[in-house]
Amino acid sequence: MGLSIALIEPQIPPNTGNVVRLSAATGLSLHLVEPMGFDLDSPRAKRAGLGYWDQVDVWTHPSVGAFWEAISEQRCLYFSAHGATSYFDAPYSSNSVLVFGSETRGIPKSVLEKGERIYRIPMVETVRNINLATSVGIVTYEAIRQLGIRLDGCEMGAADAIATLK
């Protein structure tokens, strides 16, 4: 398995639907860890994915423990407002799993307590967090950029991005 996205206990169908579309657009697999705040077969969940569900390699896991059994925990990079290191400095690799917590609880406390491989998206202090789907998009495209992955014949490596910013 290559680079992929994981949502731990997502609660809001439109956020998950946005991540489904992102996964379809980038070709990344999506791992959904239960319990979720909705049924994947519900009309709300189907509508939220705008018909892209069949274009995404979706894996469901009945618990965080089952997810870690299926995916080597060493592949996981966690993204949380509680991380101390910027997502720019995450050690992305071609088989990383970009892991995000639920909208209401975030990354499980047991993971945060380890303090390993936890990264954050920098933001002003008056903002508590960014929408889950937005966060997933920000981090996913940074990983794609750093890894030099080509999408639709378009490549923007680190040197190109730096030159663009100057």
C-alpha atoms as a PDB file:
ATOM      1  CA  MET A   1       0.000   0.000   0.000  1.00  0.00           C
ATOM      2  CA  GLY A   2       1.176   3.501  -0.753  1.00  0.00           C
ATOM      3  CA  LEU A   3       0.452   6.879   0.761  1.00  0.00           C
ATOM      4  CA  SER A   4      -3.011   6.875   2.318  1.00  0.00           C
ATOM      5  CA  ILE A   5      -5.366   8.793   4.601  1.00  0.00           C
ATOM      6  CA  ALA A   6      -7.048   7.581   7.801  1.00  0.00           C
ATOM      7  CA  LEU A   7      -9.915   9.139   9.738  1.00  0.00           C
ATOM      8  CA  ILE A   8     -10.387   7.894  13.284  1.00  0.00           C
ATOM      9  CA  GLU A   9     -14.065   7.849  14.271  1.00  0.00           C
ATOM     10  CA  PRO A  10     -15.319  10.548  11.869  1.00  0.00           C
ATOM     11  CA  GLN A  11     -18.628  12.060  12.995  1.00  0.00           C
ATOM     12  CA  ILE A  12     -19.828  14.362  10.193  1.00  0.00           C
ATOM     13  CA  PRO A  13     -20.802  12.869   6.795  1.00  0.00           C
ATOM     14  CA  PRO A  14     -19.953  15.985   4.727  1.00  0.00           C
ATOM     15  CA  ASN A  15     -16.381  16.035   6.124  1.00  0.00           C
ATOM     16  CA  THR A  16     -15.905  12.378   5.260  1.00  0.00           C
ATOM     17  CA  GLY A  17     -17.490  13.013   1.855  1.00  0.00           C
ATOM     18  CA  ASN A  18     -14.990  15.788   1.178  1.00  0.00           C
ATOM     19  CA  VAL A  19     -12.148  13.422   2.113  1.00  0.00           C
ATOM     20  CA  VAL A  20     -13.626  10.786  -0.216  1.00  0.00           C
ATOM     21  CA  ARG A  21     -13.472  13.306  -3.077  1.00  0.00           C
ATOM     22  CA  LEU A  22      -9.908  14.240  -2.097  1.00  0.00           C
ATOM     23  CA  SER A  23      -8.957  10.554  -2.090  1.00  0.00           C
ATOM     24  CA  ALA A  24     -10.511  10.121  -5.530  1.00  0.00           C
ATOM     25  CA  ALA A  25      -8.684  13.199  -6.856  1.00  0.00           C
ATOM     26  CA  THR A  26      -5.307  12.063  -5.521  1.00  0.00           C
ATOM     27  CA  GLY A  27      -5.621   8.285  -5.890  1.00  0.00           C
ATOM     28  CA  LEU A  28      -4.976   7.709  -2.182  1.00  0.00           C
ATOM     29  CA  SER A  29      -6.624   4.914  -0.198  1.00  0.00           C
ATOM     30  CA  LEU A  30      -8.892   5.921   2.677  1.00  0.00           C
ATOM     31  CA  HIS A  31      -9.090   4.149   6.037  1.00  0.00           C
ATOM     32  CA  LEU A  32     -12.161   4.804   8.179  1.00  0.00           C
ATOM     33  CA  VAL A  33     -11.977   3.709  11.806  1.00  0.00           C
ATOM     34  CA  GLU A  34     -15.215   2.909  13.606  1.00  0.00           C
ATOM     35  CA  PRO A  35     -17.324   3.796  15.395  1.00  0.00           C
ATOM     36  CA  MET A  36     -18.425   6.524  13.030  1.00  0.00           C
ATOM     37  CA  GLY A  37     -21.163   9.068  13.622  1.00  0.00           C
ATOM     38  CA  PHE A  38     -23.082   7.792  10.588  1.00  0.00           C
ATOM     39  CA  ASP A  39     -23.684   4.676   8.510  1.00  0.00           C
ATOM     40  CA  LEU A  40     -21.667   4.512   5.279  1.00  0.00           C
ATOM     41  CA  ASP A  41     -24.754   3.239   3.458  1.00  0.00           C
ATOM     42  CA  SER A  42     -26.925   6.148   4.593  1.00  0.00           C
ATOM     43  CA  PRO A  43     -28.181   8.608   1.979  1.00  0.00           C
ATOM     44  CA  ARG A  44     -26.360  11.445   3.810  1.00  0.00           C
ATOM     45  CA  ALA A  45     -23.004   9.664   3.549  1.00  0.00           C
ATOM     46  CA  LYS A  46     -23.573   8.665  -0.078  1.00  0.00           C
ATOM     47  CA  ARG A  47     -24.625  12.213  -1.007  1.00  0.00           C
ATOM     48  CA  ALA A  48     -21.627  13.691   0.838  1.00  0.00           C
ATOM     49  CA  GLY A  49     -19.243  11.684  -1.378  1.00  0.00           C
ATOM     50  CA  LEU A  50     -20.963  12.957  -4.546  1.00  0.00           C
ATOM     51  CA  GLY A  51     -20.700   9.619  -6.306  1.00  0.00           C
ATOM     52  CA  TYR A  52     -16.944   9.230  -5.790  1.00  0.00           C
ATOM     53  CA  TRP A  53     -17.204   6.350  -3.323  1.00  0.00           C
ATOM     54  CA  ASP A  54     -16.700   3.745  -6.049  1.00  0.00           C
ATOM     55  CA  GLN A  55     -13.494   5.478  -7.206  1.00  0.00           C
ATOM     56  CA  VAL A  56     -11.788   5.189  -3.817  1.00  0.00           C
ATOM     57  CA  ASP A  57     -10.119   2.224  -2.155  1.00  0.00           C
ATOM     58  CA  VAL A  58     -11.970   2.500   1.181  1.00  0.00           C
ATOM     59  CA  TRP A  59     -11.000   0.319   4.122  1.00  0.00           C
ATOM     60  CA  THR A  60     -13.096   0.205   7.284  1.00  0.00           C
ATOM     61  CA  HIS A  61     -11.686  -0.938  10.609  1.00  0.00           C
ATOM     62  CA  PRO A  62     -13.909  -1.807  13.607  1.00  0.00           C
ATOM     63  CA  SER A  63     -11.590  -0.099  16.105  1.00  0.00           C
ATOM     64  CA  VAL A  64      -8.317   1.781  16.486  1.00  0.00           C
ATOM     65  CA  GLY A  65      -6.706  -1.468  17.629  1.00  0.00           C
ATOM     66  CA  ALA A  66      -7.868  -3.268  14.488  1.00  0.00           C
ATOM     67  CA  PHE A  67      -6.577  -0.379  12.388  1.00  0.00           C
ATOM     68  CA  TRP A  68      -3.128  -0.671  13.998  1.00  0.00           C
ATOM     69  CA  GLU A  69      -3.166  -4.435  13.418  1.00  0.00           C
ATOM     70  CA  ALA A  70      -3.872  -3.871   9.714  1.00  0.00           C
ATOM     71  CA  ILE A  71      -1.490  -0.913   9.285  1.00  0.00           C
ATOM     72  CA  SER A  72       1.953  -0.853  10.848  1.00  0.00           C
ATOM     73  CA  GLU A  73       1.857   1.915  13.434  1.00  0.00           C
ATOM     74  CA  GLN A  74       5.331   2.936  12.220  1.00  0.00           C
ATOM     75  CA  ARG A  75       3.737   4.116   8.951  1.00  0.00           C
ATOM     76  CA  CYS A  76       1.383   6.488  10.789  1.00  0.00           C
ATOM     77  CA  LEU A  77       1.869  10.240  10.971  1.00  0.00           C
ATOM     78  CA  TYR A  78      -0.681  11.902  13.262  1.00  0.00           C
ATOM     79  CA  PHE A  79      -2.070  15.386  12.756  1.00  0.00           C
ATOM     80  CA  SER A  80      -3.518  17.279  15.681  1.00  0.00           C
ATOM     81  CA  ALA A  81      -3.830  20.807  17.030  1.00  0.00           C
ATOM     82  CA  HIS A  82      -1.859  19.384  20.006  1.00  0.00           C
ATOM     83  CA  GLY A  83       1.249  18.544  17.965  1.00  0.00           C
ATOM     84  CA  ALA A  84       4.432  20.498  18.645  1.00  0.00           C
ATOM     85  CA  THR A  85       6.023  20.128  15.195  1.00  0.00           C
ATOM     86  CA  SER A  86       4.750  21.658  11.952  1.00  0.00           C
ATOM     87  CA  TYR A  87       3.294  19.382   9.282  1.00  0.00           C
ATOM     88  CA  PHE A  88       5.943  20.846   6.940  1.00  0.00           C
ATOM     89  CA  ASP A  89       8.531  18.885   8.951  1.00  0.00           C
ATOM     90  CA  ALA A  90       6.720  15.532   9.025  1.00  0.00           C
ATOM     91  CA  PRO A  91       8.840  12.682   7.599  1.00  0.00           C
ATOM     92  CA  TYR A  92       6.509  11.797   4.720  1.00  0.00           C
ATOM     93  CA  SER A  93       7.291   8.609   2.830  1.00  0.00           C
ATOM     94  CA  SER A  94       5.618   6.855  -0.070  1.00  0.00           C
ATOM     95  CA  ASN A  95       3.844   4.475   2.321  1.00  0.00           C
ATOM     96  CA  SER A  96       2.885   6.946   5.080  1.00  0.00           C
ATOM     97  CA  VAL A  97      -0.610   6.885   6.525  1.00  0.00           C
ATOM     98  CA  LEU A  98      -1.813  10.415   7.278  1.00  0.00           C
ATOM     99  CA  VAL A  99      -3.985   9.985  10.376  1.00  0.00           C
ATOM    100  CA  PHE A 100      -6.607  12.461  11.579  1.00  0.00           C
ATOM    101  CA  GLY A 101      -8.907  12.261  14.588  1.00  0.00           C
ATOM    102  CA  SER A 102     -12.624  12.828  14.807  1.00  0.00           C
ATOM    103  CA  GLU A 103     -14.159  16.277  14.607  1.00  0.00           C
ATOM    104  CA  THR A 104     -15.234  16.155  18.257  1.00  0.00           C
ATOM    105  CA  ARG A 105     -12.434  14.255  20.030  1.00  0.00           C
ATOM    106  CA  GLY A 106      -9.413  14.526  17.761  1.00  0.00           C
ATOM    107  CA  ILE A 107      -6.595  11.989  17.921  1.00  0.00           C
ATOM    108  CA  PRO A 108      -7.032   9.449  20.759  1.00  0.00           C
ATOM    109  CA  LYS A 109      -5.444  10.503  24.038  1.00  0.00           C
ATOM    110  CA  SER A 110      -3.379   7.293  24.127  1.00  0.00           C
ATOM    111  CA  VAL A 111      -1.610   8.410  20.935  1.00  0.00           C
ATOM    112  CA  LEU A 112      -1.131  11.997  22.092  1.00  0.00           C
ATOM    113  CA  GLU A 113       0.390  10.795  25.377  1.00  0.00           C
ATOM    114  CA  LYS A 114       3.148   8.998  23.441  1.00  0.00           C
ATOM    115  CA  GLY A 115       4.079  12.314  21.837  1.00  0.00           C
ATOM    116  CA  GLU A 116       5.569  10.573  18.795  1.00  0.00           C
ATOM    117  CA  ARG A 117       4.960  11.491  15.151  1.00  0.00           C
ATOM    118  CA  ILE A 118       2.348  14.145  16.015  1.00  0.00           C
ATOM    119  CA  TYR A 119       2.284  17.195  13.765  1.00  0.00           C
ATOM    120  CA  ARG A 120       0.182  20.323  13.580  1.00  0.00           C
ATOM    121  CA  ILE A 121      -0.935  22.871  11.046  1.00  0.00           C
ATOM    122  CA  PRO A 122       0.261  26.247  12.363  1.00  0.00           C
ATOM    123  CA  MET A 123      -2.495  28.796  12.969  1.00  0.00           C
ATOM    124  CA  VAL A 124      -3.079  31.923  14.997  1.00  0.00           C
ATOM    125  CA  GLU A 125      -3.670  31.356  18.698  1.00  0.00           C
ATOM    126  CA  THR A 126      -7.258  32.608  18.632  1.00  0.00           C
ATOM    127  CA  VAL A 127      -8.320  29.688  16.409  1.00  0.00           C
ATOM    128  CA  ARG A 128      -8.772  26.352  18.169  1.00  0.00           C
ATOM    129  CA  ASN A 129      -8.652  24.145  15.068  1.00  0.00           C
ATOM    130  CA  ILE A 130      -9.367  23.900  11.353  1.00  0.00           C
ATOM    131  CA  ASN A 131     -12.192  21.892   9.781  1.00  0.00           C
ATOM    132  CA  LEU A 132     -11.251  18.209   9.456  1.00  0.00           C
ATOM    133  CA  ALA A 133     -11.660  17.990   5.672  1.00  0.00           C
ATOM    134  CA  THR A 134      -9.663  21.193   5.184  1.00  0.00           C
ATOM    135  CA  SER A 135      -6.875  19.868   7.413  1.00  0.00           C
ATOM    136  CA  VAL A 136      -6.752  16.590   5.500  1.00  0.00           C
ATOM    137  CA  GLY A 137      -6.483  18.511   2.219  1.00  0.00           C
ATOM    138  CA  ILE A 138      -3.690  20.764   3.473  1.00  0.00           C
ATOM    139  CA  VAL A 139      -1.583  17.877   4.765  1.00  0.00           C
ATOM    140  CA  THR A 140      -2.290  15.549   1.844  1.00  0.00           C
ATOM    141  CA  TYR A 141      -1.127  18.028  -0.756  1.00  0.00           C
ATOM    142  CA  GLU A 142       1.980  18.878   1.286  1.00  0.00           C
ATOM    143  CA  ALA A 143       2.864  15.167   1.417  1.00  0.00           C
ATOM    144  CA  ILE A 144       2.264  14.877  -2.343  1.00  0.00           C
ATOM    145  CA  ARG A 145       4.424  17.950  -2.967  1.00  0.00           C
ATOM    146  CA  GLN A 146       7.290  16.764  -0.758  1.00  0.00           C
ATOM    147  CA  LEU A 147       7.228  13.291  -2.305  1.00  0.00           C
ATOM    148  CA  GLY A 148       7.165  14.702  -5.838  1.00  0.00           C
ATOM    149  CA  ILE A 149       4.068  12.691  -6.736  1.00  0.00           C
ATOM    150  CA  ARG A 150       2.670  13.608 -10.135  1.00  0.00           C
ATOM    151  CA  LEU A 151      -1.067  14.143 -10.506  1.00  0.00           C
ATOM    152  CA  ASP A 152      -2.595  14.777 -13.920  1.00  0.00           C
ATOM    153  CA  GLY A 153       0.853  15.362 -15.418  1.00  0.00           C
ATOM    154  CA  CYS A 154       1.454  18.242 -13.002  1.00  0.00           C
ATOM    155  CA  GLU A 155       4.476  18.157 -10.734  1.00  0.00           C
ATOM    156  CA  MET A 156       5.474  20.799  -8.225  1.00  0.00           C
ATOM    157  CA  GLY A 157       8.574  19.839  -6.339  1.00  0.00           C
ATOM    158  CA  ALA A 158      10.069  21.690  -3.381  1.00  0.00           C
ATOM    159  CA  ALA A 159      12.357  23.832  -5.558  1.00  0.00           C
ATOM    160  CA  ASP A 160       9.414  24.942  -7.712  1.00  0.00           C
ATOM    161  CA  ALA A 161       7.324  25.788  -4.634  1.00  0.00           C
ATOM    162  CA  ILE A 162      10.129  27.844  -3.085  1.00  0.00           C
ATOM    163  CA  ALA A 163      10.737  29.710  -6.356  1.00  0.00           C
ATOM    164  CA  THR A 164       7.008  30.456  -6.571  1.00  0.00           C
ATOM    165  CA  LEU A 165       7.003  31.958  -3.083  1.00  0.00           C
ATOM    166  CA  LYS A 166       9.919  34.320  -3.777  1.00  0.00           C
END
